Amino acid sequence: MRLTRSLEQAVCIITLLSTQDSSAPLASDVISERLQVSSSYLKKIMRKLVVKEIIRSVSGNNGGFSLAKSPKKISLLEIVEAVESDLSSYPDTGLIKTVFGDIRKNVASKGERKVTETFQKADAAWKEVLKNHTVADLLLETLGQEELPFKNWNESRPELNF
């Protein structure tokens, strides 16, 4: 498993939306500018987050994006699963059978199974940690606050008192 840059960008998008003033959706061009990515690239990430119902698209002249649910209900695992395709860390290519298949009956298959099971357990533990941490948890701990601050990121220079 190799996590991509899209994951870091998705986390930043969710963070912006978690602190966006609820009276106005966050414009996609503002997100694109803050992340310093093209709007076409941003749309690919946003689409994945919309499909997984983490964010929603708001149409119209003053449209943009907002969270589909509270940051208290968005786990890091949900974000990872939305933007990353393969979450298994061990790439079972069959090499163990190729290298050790002629040693002893079934030893290669047994070894391959053991290695795969071990990595599956590690993957499950990793996912469990991510599942138990929400966006709100991380933001509140990072900011040292008990309530999330809200800003209108659409303003040219939003006042940031984080």
N, C-alpha and C. Protein backbone atom coordinates (compact mmCIF):
# COMPACT_ATOMS: atom_id res chain seq x y z
N MET A 1 0.85 -1.17 0.00
CA MET A 1 0.00 0.00 0.00
C MET A 1 0.90 1.23 0.00
N ARG A 2 0.60 2.09 -0.90
CA ARG A 2 1.29 3.37 -0.92
C ARG A 2 0.23 4.46 -1.01
N LEU A 3 0.15 5.25 0.03
CA LEU A 3 -0.84 6.32 0.04
C LEU A 3 -0.38 7.44 -0.87
N THR A 4 -1.33 8.05 -1.53
CA THR A 4 -1.00 9.06 -2.54
C THR A 4 -1.16 10.48 -1.98
N ARG A 5 -0.69 11.40 -2.77
CA ARG A 5 -0.81 12.82 -2.44
C ARG A 5 -2.29 13.23 -2.37
N SER A 6 -3.13 12.53 -3.09
CA SER A 6 -4.57 12.81 -3.07
C SER A 6 -5.14 12.69 -1.66
N LEU A 7 -4.60 11.78 -0.87
CA LEU A 7 -5.09 11.63 0.50
C LEU A 7 -4.80 12.88 1.32
N GLU A 8 -3.59 13.38 1.24
CA GLU A 8 -3.23 14.60 1.97
C GLU A 8 -4.11 15.76 1.51
N GLN A 9 -4.36 15.84 0.22
CA GLN A 9 -5.21 16.90 -0.31
C GLN A 9 -6.65 16.74 0.18
N ALA A 10 -7.14 15.50 0.22
CA ALA A 10 -8.49 15.26 0.71
C ALA A 10 -8.62 15.66 2.18
N VAL A 11 -7.59 15.36 2.97
CA VAL A 11 -7.61 15.76 4.39
C VAL A 11 -7.66 17.29 4.50
N CYS A 12 -6.91 17.97 3.67
CA CYS A 12 -6.93 19.45 3.69
C CYS A 12 -8.30 19.98 3.26
N ILE A 13 -8.90 19.36 2.26
CA ILE A 13 -10.23 19.77 1.80
C ILE A 13 -11.24 19.61 2.94
N ILE A 14 -11.23 18.45 3.59
CA ILE A 14 -12.16 18.19 4.68
C ILE A 14 -11.91 19.16 5.83
N THR A 15 -10.66 19.49 6.09
CA THR A 15 -10.34 20.45 7.15
C THR A 15 -10.90 21.83 6.81
N LEU A 16 -10.71 22.27 5.58
CA LEU A 16 -11.28 23.56 5.16
C LEU A 16 -12.80 23.55 5.33
N LEU A 17 -13.44 22.48 4.87
CA LEU A 17 -14.90 22.40 4.94
C LEU A 17 -15.39 22.27 6.38
N SER A 18 -14.59 21.65 7.24
CA SER A 18 -14.96 21.50 8.65
C SER A 18 -14.97 22.83 9.37
N THR A 19 -14.19 23.78 8.88
CA THR A 19 -14.10 25.09 9.52
C THR A 19 -14.77 26.19 8.70
N GLN A 20 -15.42 25.81 7.61
CA GLN A 20 -16.11 26.78 6.75
C GLN A 20 -17.41 27.24 7.41
N ASP A 21 -17.64 28.52 7.39
CA ASP A 21 -18.88 29.11 7.89
C ASP A 21 -20.05 28.41 7.18
N SER A 22 -20.98 27.88 7.96
CA SER A 22 -22.07 27.09 7.38
C SER A 22 -23.05 27.91 6.55
N SER A 23 -22.96 29.23 6.61
CA SER A 23 -23.88 30.07 5.84
C SER A 23 -23.51 30.13 4.36
N ALA A 24 -22.31 29.66 3.99
CA ALA A 24 -21.88 29.74 2.59
C ALA A 24 -21.05 28.51 2.23
N PRO A 25 -21.43 27.82 1.14
CA PRO A 25 -20.58 26.72 0.68
C PRO A 25 -19.22 27.25 0.24
N LEU A 26 -18.22 26.43 0.32
CA LEU A 26 -16.87 26.83 -0.06
C LEU A 26 -16.69 26.66 -1.56
N ALA A 27 -16.32 27.73 -2.24
CA ALA A 27 -16.16 27.71 -3.70
C ALA A 27 -14.98 26.83 -4.11
N SER A 28 -15.17 26.08 -5.19
CA SER A 28 -14.11 25.17 -5.64
C SER A 28 -12.85 25.91 -6.06
N ASP A 29 -12.99 27.12 -6.61
CA ASP A 29 -11.78 27.86 -7.00
C ASP A 29 -10.97 28.29 -5.78
N VAL A 30 -11.63 28.53 -4.66
CA VAL A 30 -10.92 28.87 -3.42
C VAL A 30 -10.14 27.64 -2.92
N ILE A 31 -10.79 26.49 -2.97
CA ILE A 31 -10.12 25.25 -2.55
C ILE A 31 -8.92 24.99 -3.45
N SER A 32 -9.13 25.11 -4.74
CA SER A 32 -8.06 24.89 -5.72
C SER A 32 -6.87 25.82 -5.46
N GLU A 33 -7.18 27.08 -5.19
CA GLU A 33 -6.13 28.07 -4.93
C GLU A 33 -5.36 27.75 -3.65
N ARG A 34 -6.09 27.41 -2.59
CA ARG A 34 -5.43 27.12 -1.31
C ARG A 34 -4.58 25.86 -1.40
N LEU A 35 -5.05 24.86 -2.14
CA LEU A 35 -4.29 23.62 -2.28
C LEU A 35 -3.21 23.71 -3.37
N GLN A 36 -3.29 24.78 -4.15
CA GLN A 36 -2.36 25.00 -5.27
C GLN A 36 -2.37 23.82 -6.25
N VAL A 37 -3.61 23.44 -6.64
CA VAL A 37 -3.80 22.40 -7.65
C VAL A 37 -4.75 22.93 -8.71
N SER A 38 -4.71 22.32 -9.88
CA SER A 38 -5.61 22.74 -10.95
C SER A 38 -7.04 22.36 -10.59
N SER A 39 -7.98 23.11 -11.15
CA SER A 39 -9.39 22.82 -10.86
C SER A 39 -9.79 21.46 -11.40
N SER A 40 -9.20 21.04 -12.53
CA SER A 40 -9.56 19.73 -13.09
C SER A 40 -9.07 18.60 -12.18
N TYR A 41 -7.89 18.76 -11.61
CA TYR A 41 -7.37 17.75 -10.67
C TYR A 41 -8.22 17.74 -9.40
N LEU A 42 -8.55 18.92 -8.90
CA LEU A 42 -9.35 19.03 -7.69
C LEU A 42 -10.70 18.34 -7.87
N LYS A 43 -11.30 18.50 -9.04
CA LYS A 43 -12.62 17.90 -9.30
C LYS A 43 -12.58 16.39 -9.14
N LYS A 44 -11.48 15.76 -9.49
CA LYS A 44 -11.36 14.30 -9.35
C LYS A 44 -11.41 13.89 -7.88
N ILE A 45 -10.72 14.63 -7.05
CA ILE A 45 -10.72 14.32 -5.62
C ILE A 45 -12.09 14.61 -5.02
N MET A 46 -12.65 15.77 -5.37
CA MET A 46 -13.95 16.17 -4.84
C MET A 46 -15.03 15.16 -5.22
N ARG A 47 -14.96 14.68 -6.44
CA ARG A 47 -15.94 13.70 -6.92
C ARG A 47 -15.92 12.45 -6.04
N LYS A 48 -14.73 11.98 -5.72
CA LYS A 48 -14.61 10.79 -4.87
C LYS A 48 -15.22 11.04 -3.49
N LEU A 49 -15.02 12.22 -2.95
CA LEU A 49 -15.57 12.56 -1.64
C LEU A 49 -17.09 12.72 -1.69
N VAL A 50 -17.60 13.23 -2.81
CA VAL A 50 -19.05 13.35 -2.99
C VAL A 50 -19.69 11.97 -3.10
N VAL A 51 -19.09 11.11 -3.91
CA VAL A 51 -19.63 9.75 -4.12
C VAL A 51 -19.72 8.99 -2.79
N LYS A 52 -18.73 9.17 -1.92
CA LYS A 52 -18.73 8.49 -0.62
C LYS A 52 -19.56 9.24 0.43
N GLU A 53 -20.24 10.31 -0.01
CA GLU A 53 -21.13 11.09 0.85
C GLU A 53 -20.43 11.69 2.07
N ILE A 54 -19.19 12.11 1.85
CA ILE A 54 -18.45 12.82 2.89
C ILE A 54 -18.69 14.32 2.72
N ILE A 55 -18.75 14.76 1.47
CA ILE A 55 -19.06 16.15 1.17
C ILE A 55 -20.22 16.18 0.19
N ARG A 56 -20.80 17.37 0.02
CA ARG A 56 -21.87 17.52 -0.98
C ARG A 56 -21.57 18.74 -1.83
N SER A 57 -22.04 18.66 -3.03
CA SER A 57 -21.89 19.75 -3.99
C SER A 57 -23.15 20.60 -3.94
N VAL A 58 -22.96 21.91 -3.88
CA VAL A 58 -24.09 22.84 -3.85
C VAL A 58 -24.04 23.64 -5.15
N SER A 59 -25.09 23.52 -5.96
CA SER A 59 -25.09 24.21 -7.25
C SER A 59 -25.62 25.64 -7.11
N GLY A 60 -25.41 26.42 -8.16
CA GLY A 60 -25.91 27.79 -8.17
C GLY A 60 -24.79 28.81 -8.22
N ASN A 61 -25.19 30.09 -8.33
CA ASN A 61 -24.21 31.18 -8.41
C ASN A 61 -23.28 31.22 -7.20
N ASN A 62 -23.82 30.99 -6.04
CA ASN A 62 -23.01 30.99 -4.82
C ASN A 62 -22.76 29.57 -4.34
N GLY A 63 -22.66 28.66 -5.29
CA GLY A 63 -22.46 27.25 -4.97
C GLY A 63 -21.04 26.93 -4.55
N GLY A 64 -20.83 25.69 -4.30
CA GLY A 64 -19.52 25.21 -3.88
C GLY A 64 -19.67 23.86 -3.21
N PHE A 65 -18.95 23.69 -2.12
CA PHE A 65 -18.97 22.41 -1.41
C PHE A 65 -19.15 22.63 0.08
N SER A 66 -19.80 21.66 0.71
CA SER A 66 -19.95 21.66 2.16
C SER A 66 -19.86 20.22 2.63
N LEU A 67 -19.71 20.04 3.93
CA LEU A 67 -19.67 18.69 4.47
C LEU A 67 -21.06 18.06 4.39
N ALA A 68 -21.11 16.78 4.15
CA ALA A 68 -22.38 16.07 4.12
C ALA A 68 -22.78 15.62 5.52
N LYS A 69 -21.82 15.62 6.44
CA LYS A 69 -22.11 15.26 7.83
C LYS A 69 -21.10 15.96 8.74
N SER A 70 -21.35 15.88 9.99
CA SER A 70 -20.50 16.55 10.98
C SER A 70 -19.07 15.99 10.96
N PRO A 71 -18.08 16.85 11.20
CA PRO A 71 -16.69 16.37 11.29
C PRO A 71 -16.51 15.35 12.42
N LYS A 72 -17.45 15.35 13.38
CA LYS A 72 -17.41 14.36 14.46
C LYS A 72 -17.76 12.97 13.96
N LYS A 73 -18.37 12.91 12.78
CA LYS A 73 -18.81 11.63 12.22
C LYS A 73 -17.98 11.19 11.01
N ILE A 74 -16.92 11.92 10.72
CA ILE A 74 -16.06 11.56 9.58
C ILE A 74 -14.74 11.01 10.12
N SER A 75 -14.54 9.72 9.93
CA SER A 75 -13.29 9.11 10.39
C SER A 75 -12.21 9.26 9.33
N LEU A 76 -10.98 9.17 9.77
CA LEU A 76 -9.87 9.21 8.81
C LEU A 76 -9.95 8.02 7.86
N LEU A 77 -10.46 6.89 8.35
CA LEU A 77 -10.60 5.72 7.48
C LEU A 77 -11.55 6.01 6.32
N GLU A 78 -12.64 6.72 6.59
CA GLU A 78 -13.57 7.06 5.51
C GLU A 78 -12.89 7.88 4.42
N ILE A 79 -12.05 8.80 4.83
CA ILE A 79 -11.35 9.64 3.84
C ILE A 79 -10.36 8.79 3.05
N VAL A 80 -9.61 7.94 3.74
CA VAL A 80 -8.65 7.07 3.06
C VAL A 80 -9.38 6.17 2.06
N GLU A 81 -10.46 5.55 2.49
CA GLU A 81 -11.20 4.65 1.61
C GLU A 81 -11.83 5.38 0.43
N ALA A 82 -12.13 6.65 0.60
CA ALA A 82 -12.73 7.42 -0.49
C ALA A 82 -11.73 7.72 -1.60
N VAL A 83 -10.48 8.00 -1.24
CA VAL A 83 -9.53 8.45 -2.26
C VAL A 83 -8.47 7.43 -2.66
N GLU A 84 -8.25 6.42 -1.85
CA GLU A 84 -7.23 5.41 -2.17
C GLU A 84 -7.90 4.15 -2.69
N SER A 85 -7.30 3.55 -3.71
CA SER A 85 -7.92 2.38 -4.32
C SER A 85 -7.55 1.07 -3.62
N ASP A 86 -6.30 0.87 -3.27
CA ASP A 86 -5.88 -0.40 -2.68
C ASP A 86 -5.34 -0.16 -1.28
N LEU A 87 -5.98 -0.77 -0.30
CA LEU A 87 -5.55 -0.58 1.07
C LEU A 87 -4.81 -1.79 1.64
N SER A 88 -4.41 -2.71 0.79
CA SER A 88 -3.64 -3.85 1.29
C SER A 88 -2.16 -3.55 1.14
N SER A 89 -1.41 -3.82 2.20
CA SER A 89 0.01 -3.46 2.20
C SER A 89 0.91 -4.51 1.57
N TYR A 90 0.43 -5.73 1.44
CA TYR A 90 1.28 -6.78 0.89
C TYR A 90 0.86 -7.13 -0.53
N PRO A 91 1.75 -6.93 -1.48
CA PRO A 91 1.41 -7.24 -2.88
C PRO A 91 1.70 -8.71 -3.19
N ASP A 92 0.76 -9.58 -2.97
CA ASP A 92 0.97 -11.01 -3.22
C ASP A 92 1.04 -11.25 -4.73
N THR A 93 2.25 -11.35 -5.22
CA THR A 93 2.47 -11.54 -6.66
C THR A 93 2.73 -12.99 -7.04
N GLY A 94 2.76 -13.87 -6.03
CA GLY A 94 3.05 -15.28 -6.30
C GLY A 94 4.53 -15.62 -6.31
N LEU A 95 5.36 -14.67 -5.95
CA LEU A 95 6.80 -14.88 -5.98
C LEU A 95 7.25 -15.96 -4.99
N ILE A 96 6.61 -16.04 -3.84
CA ILE A 96 6.98 -17.07 -2.86
C ILE A 96 6.84 -18.46 -3.48
N LYS A 97 5.73 -18.70 -4.18
CA LYS A 97 5.53 -20.01 -4.83
C LYS A 97 6.57 -20.23 -5.93
N THR A 98 6.89 -19.18 -6.64
CA THR A 98 7.89 -19.31 -7.71
C THR A 98 9.25 -19.68 -7.15
N VAL A 99 9.65 -19.01 -6.08
CA VAL A 99 10.99 -19.22 -5.51
C VAL A 99 11.08 -20.51 -4.70
N PHE A 100 10.04 -20.84 -3.94
CA PHE A 100 10.11 -21.97 -3.02
C PHE A 100 9.16 -23.12 -3.34
N GLY A 101 8.51 -23.07 -4.48
CA GLY A 101 7.52 -24.08 -4.84
C GLY A 101 8.07 -25.48 -4.99
N ASP A 102 9.37 -25.62 -5.24
CA ASP A 102 9.95 -26.95 -5.44
C ASP A 102 10.63 -27.50 -4.19
N ILE A 103 10.53 -26.84 -3.05
CA ILE A 103 11.23 -27.27 -1.83
C ILE A 103 10.57 -28.49 -1.20
N ARG A 104 9.37 -28.35 -0.76
CA ARG A 104 8.64 -29.42 -0.10
C ARG A 104 7.17 -29.22 -0.38
N LYS A 105 6.44 -30.28 -0.44
CA LYS A 105 5.01 -30.21 -0.77
C LYS A 105 4.29 -29.19 0.13
N ASN A 106 3.64 -28.25 -0.49
CA ASN A 106 2.79 -27.23 0.16
C ASN A 106 3.53 -26.22 1.03
N VAL A 107 4.86 -26.32 1.16
CA VAL A 107 5.56 -25.37 2.02
C VAL A 107 5.45 -23.95 1.48
N ALA A 108 5.53 -23.80 0.18
CA ALA A 108 5.43 -22.46 -0.42
C ALA A 108 4.03 -21.88 -0.21
N SER A 109 3.02 -22.71 -0.42
CA SER A 109 1.63 -22.24 -0.23
C SER A 109 1.38 -21.86 1.22
N LYS A 110 1.91 -22.68 2.13
CA LYS A 110 1.73 -22.39 3.56
C LYS A 110 2.47 -21.11 3.94
N GLY A 111 3.68 -20.95 3.45
CA GLY A 111 4.44 -19.73 3.73
C GLY A 111 3.77 -18.50 3.17
N GLU A 112 3.28 -18.63 1.95
CA GLU A 112 2.58 -17.51 1.31
C GLU A 112 1.35 -17.11 2.12
N ARG A 113 0.62 -18.12 2.57
CA ARG A 113 -0.60 -17.87 3.36
C ARG A 113 -0.24 -17.17 4.68
N LYS A 114 0.83 -17.63 5.34
CA LYS A 114 1.25 -17.02 6.61
C LYS A 114 1.66 -15.56 6.44
N VAL A 115 2.43 -15.28 5.41
CA VAL A 115 2.86 -13.90 5.15
C VAL A 115 1.64 -13.03 4.86
N THR A 116 0.75 -13.52 4.01
CA THR A 116 -0.45 -12.76 3.65
C THR A 116 -1.32 -12.49 4.88
N GLU A 117 -1.53 -13.52 5.71
CA GLU A 117 -2.34 -13.36 6.93
C GLU A 117 -1.73 -12.33 7.88
N THR A 118 -0.42 -12.34 8.01
CA THR A 118 0.25 -11.40 8.90
C THR A 118 0.04 -9.96 8.43
N PHE A 119 0.20 -9.74 7.14
CA PHE A 119 -0.02 -8.40 6.61
C PHE A 119 -1.49 -8.00 6.69
N GLN A 120 -2.40 -8.95 6.53
CA GLN A 120 -3.82 -8.64 6.66
C GLN A 120 -4.15 -8.19 8.08
N LYS A 121 -3.52 -8.84 9.08
CA LYS A 121 -3.73 -8.42 10.47
C LYS A 121 -3.19 -7.01 10.70
N ALA A 122 -2.04 -6.73 10.14
CA ALA A 122 -1.46 -5.39 10.27
C ALA A 122 -2.36 -4.35 9.61
N ASP A 123 -2.89 -4.68 8.44
CA ASP A 123 -3.80 -3.77 7.73
C ASP A 123 -5.05 -3.52 8.56
N ALA A 124 -5.59 -4.58 9.18
CA ALA A 124 -6.80 -4.44 10.00
C ALA A 124 -6.53 -3.54 11.20
N ALA A 125 -5.37 -3.69 11.83
CA ALA A 125 -5.02 -2.85 12.98
C ALA A 125 -4.88 -1.39 12.55
N TRP A 126 -4.25 -1.16 11.42
CA TRP A 126 -4.07 0.18 10.87
C TRP A 126 -5.43 0.83 10.60
N LYS A 127 -6.32 0.07 9.98
CA LYS A 127 -7.66 0.59 9.67
C LYS A 127 -8.44 0.90 10.95
N GLU A 128 -8.27 0.07 11.97
CA GLU A 128 -8.97 0.29 13.24
C GLU A 128 -8.54 1.61 13.88
N VAL A 129 -7.26 1.92 13.84
CA VAL A 129 -6.77 3.19 14.38
C VAL A 129 -7.40 4.35 13.62
N LEU A 130 -7.40 4.28 12.30
CA LEU A 130 -7.97 5.36 11.49
C LEU A 130 -9.47 5.50 11.72
N LYS A 131 -10.14 4.38 11.90
CA LYS A 131 -11.59 4.38 12.13
C LYS A 131 -11.94 5.09 13.43
N ASN A 132 -11.04 5.00 14.41
CA ASN A 132 -11.31 5.56 15.73
C ASN A 132 -10.86 7.01 15.90
N HIS A 133 -10.43 7.63 14.84
CA HIS A 133 -10.03 9.05 14.89
C HIS A 133 -10.85 9.84 13.88
N THR A 134 -11.59 10.82 14.39
CA THR A 134 -12.40 11.64 13.50
C THR A 134 -11.67 12.92 13.14
N VAL A 135 -12.18 13.56 12.12
CA VAL A 135 -11.65 14.85 11.70
C VAL A 135 -11.76 15.85 12.85
N ALA A 136 -12.89 15.85 13.52
CA ALA A 136 -13.10 16.78 14.65
C ALA A 136 -12.08 16.52 15.76
N ASP A 137 -11.85 15.25 16.08
CA ASP A 137 -10.86 14.91 17.11
C ASP A 137 -9.51 15.54 16.80
N LEU A 138 -9.05 15.33 15.58
CA LEU A 138 -7.73 15.82 15.20
C LEU A 138 -7.67 17.35 15.18
N LEU A 139 -8.71 17.97 14.65
CA LEU A 139 -8.73 19.44 14.62
C LEU A 139 -8.74 20.04 16.02
N LEU A 140 -9.59 19.52 16.88
CA LEU A 140 -9.68 20.05 18.24
C LEU A 140 -8.39 19.85 19.02
N GLU A 141 -7.78 18.67 18.86
CA GLU A 141 -6.49 18.41 19.53
C GLU A 141 -5.40 19.32 18.98
N THR A 142 -5.38 19.49 17.67
CA THR A 142 -4.36 20.33 17.04
C THR A 142 -4.49 21.78 17.48
N LEU A 143 -5.72 22.27 17.50
CA LEU A 143 -5.96 23.68 17.83
C LEU A 143 -6.00 23.93 19.34
N GLY A 144 -6.11 22.86 20.12
CA GLY A 144 -6.20 23.02 21.57
C GLY A 144 -7.47 23.71 22.00
N GLN A 145 -8.56 23.42 21.29
CA GLN A 145 -9.84 24.06 21.57
C GLN A 145 -10.90 23.00 21.83
N GLU A 146 -12.00 23.43 22.42
CA GLU A 146 -13.09 22.51 22.69
C GLU A 146 -14.18 22.60 21.64
N GLU A 147 -14.18 23.68 20.88
CA GLU A 147 -15.15 23.89 19.80
C GLU A 147 -14.41 24.20 18.52
N LEU A 148 -14.96 23.76 17.40
CA LEU A 148 -14.35 24.08 16.12
C LEU A 148 -14.59 25.54 15.76
N PRO A 149 -13.57 26.24 15.32
CA PRO A 149 -13.76 27.62 14.86
C PRO A 149 -14.29 27.60 13.43
N PHE A 150 -15.06 28.60 13.08
CA PHE A 150 -15.59 28.68 11.72
C PHE A 150 -15.15 29.97 11.06
N LYS A 151 -14.80 29.88 9.80
CA LYS A 151 -14.34 31.01 9.00
C LYS A 151 -15.02 30.94 7.65
N ASN A 152 -15.09 32.07 6.98
CA ASN A 152 -15.55 32.05 5.60
C ASN A 152 -14.31 32.11 4.71
N TRP A 153 -13.89 30.94 4.27
CA TRP A 153 -12.69 30.84 3.44
C TRP A 153 -12.88 31.50 2.09
N ASN A 154 -14.12 31.81 1.71
CA ASN A 154 -14.39 32.47 0.43
C ASN A 154 -13.93 33.93 0.43
N GLU A 155 -13.80 34.52 1.60
CA GLU A 155 -13.33 35.91 1.69
C GLU A 155 -11.88 35.96 1.23
N SER A 156 -11.51 37.08 0.64
CA SER A 156 -10.16 37.18 0.07
C SER A 156 -9.07 36.97 1.12
N ARG A 157 -9.27 37.47 2.30
CA ARG A 157 -8.30 37.25 3.39
C ARG A 157 -9.10 36.95 4.66
N PRO A 158 -9.51 35.70 4.83
CA PRO A 158 -10.30 35.40 6.02
C PRO A 158 -9.49 35.62 7.29
N GLU A 159 -10.17 36.15 8.29
CA GLU A 159 -9.51 36.37 9.57
C GLU A 159 -9.35 35.02 10.25
N LEU A 160 -8.11 34.65 10.51
CA LEU A 160 -7.84 33.34 11.09
C LEU A 160 -7.37 33.50 12.53
N ASN A 161 -8.20 33.06 13.43
CA ASN A 161 -7.86 33.12 14.85
C ASN A 161 -7.80 31.72 15.43
N PHE A 162 -7.12 30.85 14.75
CA PHE A 162 -7.06 29.46 15.22
C PHE A 162 -6.09 29.34 16.35
